Amino acid sequence: MAIEPVIAADHRRRTEVALATLNTHLAGRVYLCAGEPTIADLFCYGDVAFAEVCLFELNRWTNVADWQRRVRSLPGFKGPFELLAMEDADLP
């Protein structure tokens, strides 16, 4: 599937803006809304996981990367691609 370079560049730019905004929001916080994880963290994690699959280097946004590690370390946590049947997916 070919994606127009202009469209891909626009999506990349918007994702970088979203990650920068999330990074700023997480400054000085452990989780998105409270001192403990909430459904907001789990919901938002899916978008961040997808950004990672799209080859965004999340370590550029240190607060996001730290938050992602905290979410992944929650008891019983499974990422979206562990929960979905992905055997037919064509991922990079």
Protein backbone atom coordinates (compact mmCIF):
# COMPACT_ATOMS: atom_id res chain seq x y z
CA MET A 1 0.00 0.00 0.00
CA ALA A 2 1.50 3.29 -1.09
CA ILE A 3 0.92 6.39 0.98
CA GLU A 4 1.36 9.82 -0.50
CA PRO A 5 4.48 11.39 1.03
CA VAL A 6 2.61 14.62 1.84
CA ILE A 7 -0.05 12.69 3.76
CA ALA A 8 2.54 10.60 5.59
CA ALA A 9 4.49 13.73 6.53
CA ASP A 10 1.34 15.40 7.87
CA HIS A 11 0.48 12.37 10.02
CA ARG A 12 4.08 12.20 11.29
CA ARG A 13 4.00 15.90 12.22
CA ARG A 14 0.66 15.58 14.01
CA THR A 15 1.86 12.51 15.92
CA GLU A 16 5.01 14.34 17.00
CA VAL A 17 2.88 17.26 18.25
CA ALA A 18 0.63 14.84 20.15
CA LEU A 19 3.61 13.07 21.73
CA ALA A 20 5.15 16.42 22.71
CA THR A 21 1.85 17.47 24.30
CA LEU A 22 1.61 14.18 26.19
CA ASN A 23 5.24 14.55 27.26
CA THR A 24 4.51 18.00 28.69
CA HIS A 25 1.39 16.75 30.46
CA LEU A 26 3.34 13.92 32.09
CA ALA A 27 6.07 16.21 33.44
CA GLY A 28 6.11 15.74 37.21
CA ARG A 29 3.37 13.09 37.04
CA VAL A 30 3.43 9.35 37.49
CA TYR A 31 0.24 8.68 35.51
CA LEU A 32 -2.07 10.78 33.35
CA CYS A 33 -4.80 11.70 35.82
CA ALA A 34 -3.80 10.50 39.27
CA GLY A 35 -1.01 9.06 41.35
CA GLU A 36 -2.19 5.61 40.36
CA PRO A 37 -3.12 4.23 36.94
CA THR A 38 -6.61 4.83 35.59
CA ILE A 39 -8.48 3.78 32.49
CA ALA A 40 -7.06 6.93 30.85
CA ASP A 41 -3.57 5.45 31.02
CA LEU A 42 -4.67 2.18 29.47
CA PHE A 43 -6.66 3.93 26.76
CA CYS A 44 -3.83 6.31 25.87
CA TYR A 45 -1.27 3.50 25.93
CA GLY A 46 -2.81 2.02 22.76
CA ASP A 47 -2.05 5.17 20.77
CA VAL A 48 1.50 5.28 22.10
CA ALA A 49 2.01 1.60 21.27
CA PHE A 50 0.83 2.29 17.73
CA ALA A 51 3.28 5.20 17.43
CA GLU A 52 6.02 2.80 18.46
CA VAL A 53 4.95 0.30 15.77
CA CYS A 54 5.14 3.20 13.29
CA LEU A 55 8.82 3.54 14.25
CA PHE A 56 8.63 6.66 16.37
CA GLU A 57 11.60 6.72 18.74
CA LEU A 58 9.69 7.29 21.97
CA ASN A 59 12.85 7.97 23.97
CA ARG A 60 12.81 11.43 22.36
CA TRP A 61 9.93 12.16 24.76
CA THR A 62 11.43 11.09 28.08
CA ASN A 63 8.27 11.54 30.16
CA VAL A 64 6.28 9.46 27.67
CA ALA A 65 8.95 6.74 27.63
CA ASP A 66 9.06 6.62 31.44
CA TRP A 67 5.26 6.53 31.65
CA GLN A 68 5.13 3.77 29.03
CA ARG A 69 7.53 1.66 31.10
CA ARG A 70 5.39 2.21 34.23
CA VAL A 71 2.23 1.18 32.40
CA ARG A 72 3.92 -1.92 30.95
CA SER A 73 5.06 -2.95 34.43
CA LEU A 74 1.51 -2.99 35.88
CA PRO A 75 0.49 -6.41 37.22
CA GLY A 76 -1.27 -8.41 34.52
CA PHE A 77 -0.60 -5.82 31.81
CA LYS A 78 -0.68 -7.00 28.22
CA GLY A 79 -0.08 -4.69 25.30
CA PRO A 80 -2.63 -4.31 22.51
CA PHE A 81 -0.68 -6.54 20.12
CA GLU A 82 -0.47 -9.28 22.73
CA LEU A 83 -4.25 -9.18 23.15
CA LEU A 84 -5.16 -9.14 19.46
CA ALA A 85 -4.71 -11.96 17.00
CA MET A 86 -1.88 -10.49 14.96
CA GLU A 87 -0.61 -13.53 13.07
CA ASP A 88 -1.91 -12.13 9.74
CA ALA A 89 -0.72 -8.56 10.35
CA ASP A 90 1.88 -7.06 8.06
CA LEU A 91 3.96 -4.96 10.48
CA PRO A 92 7.41 -3.50 9.82
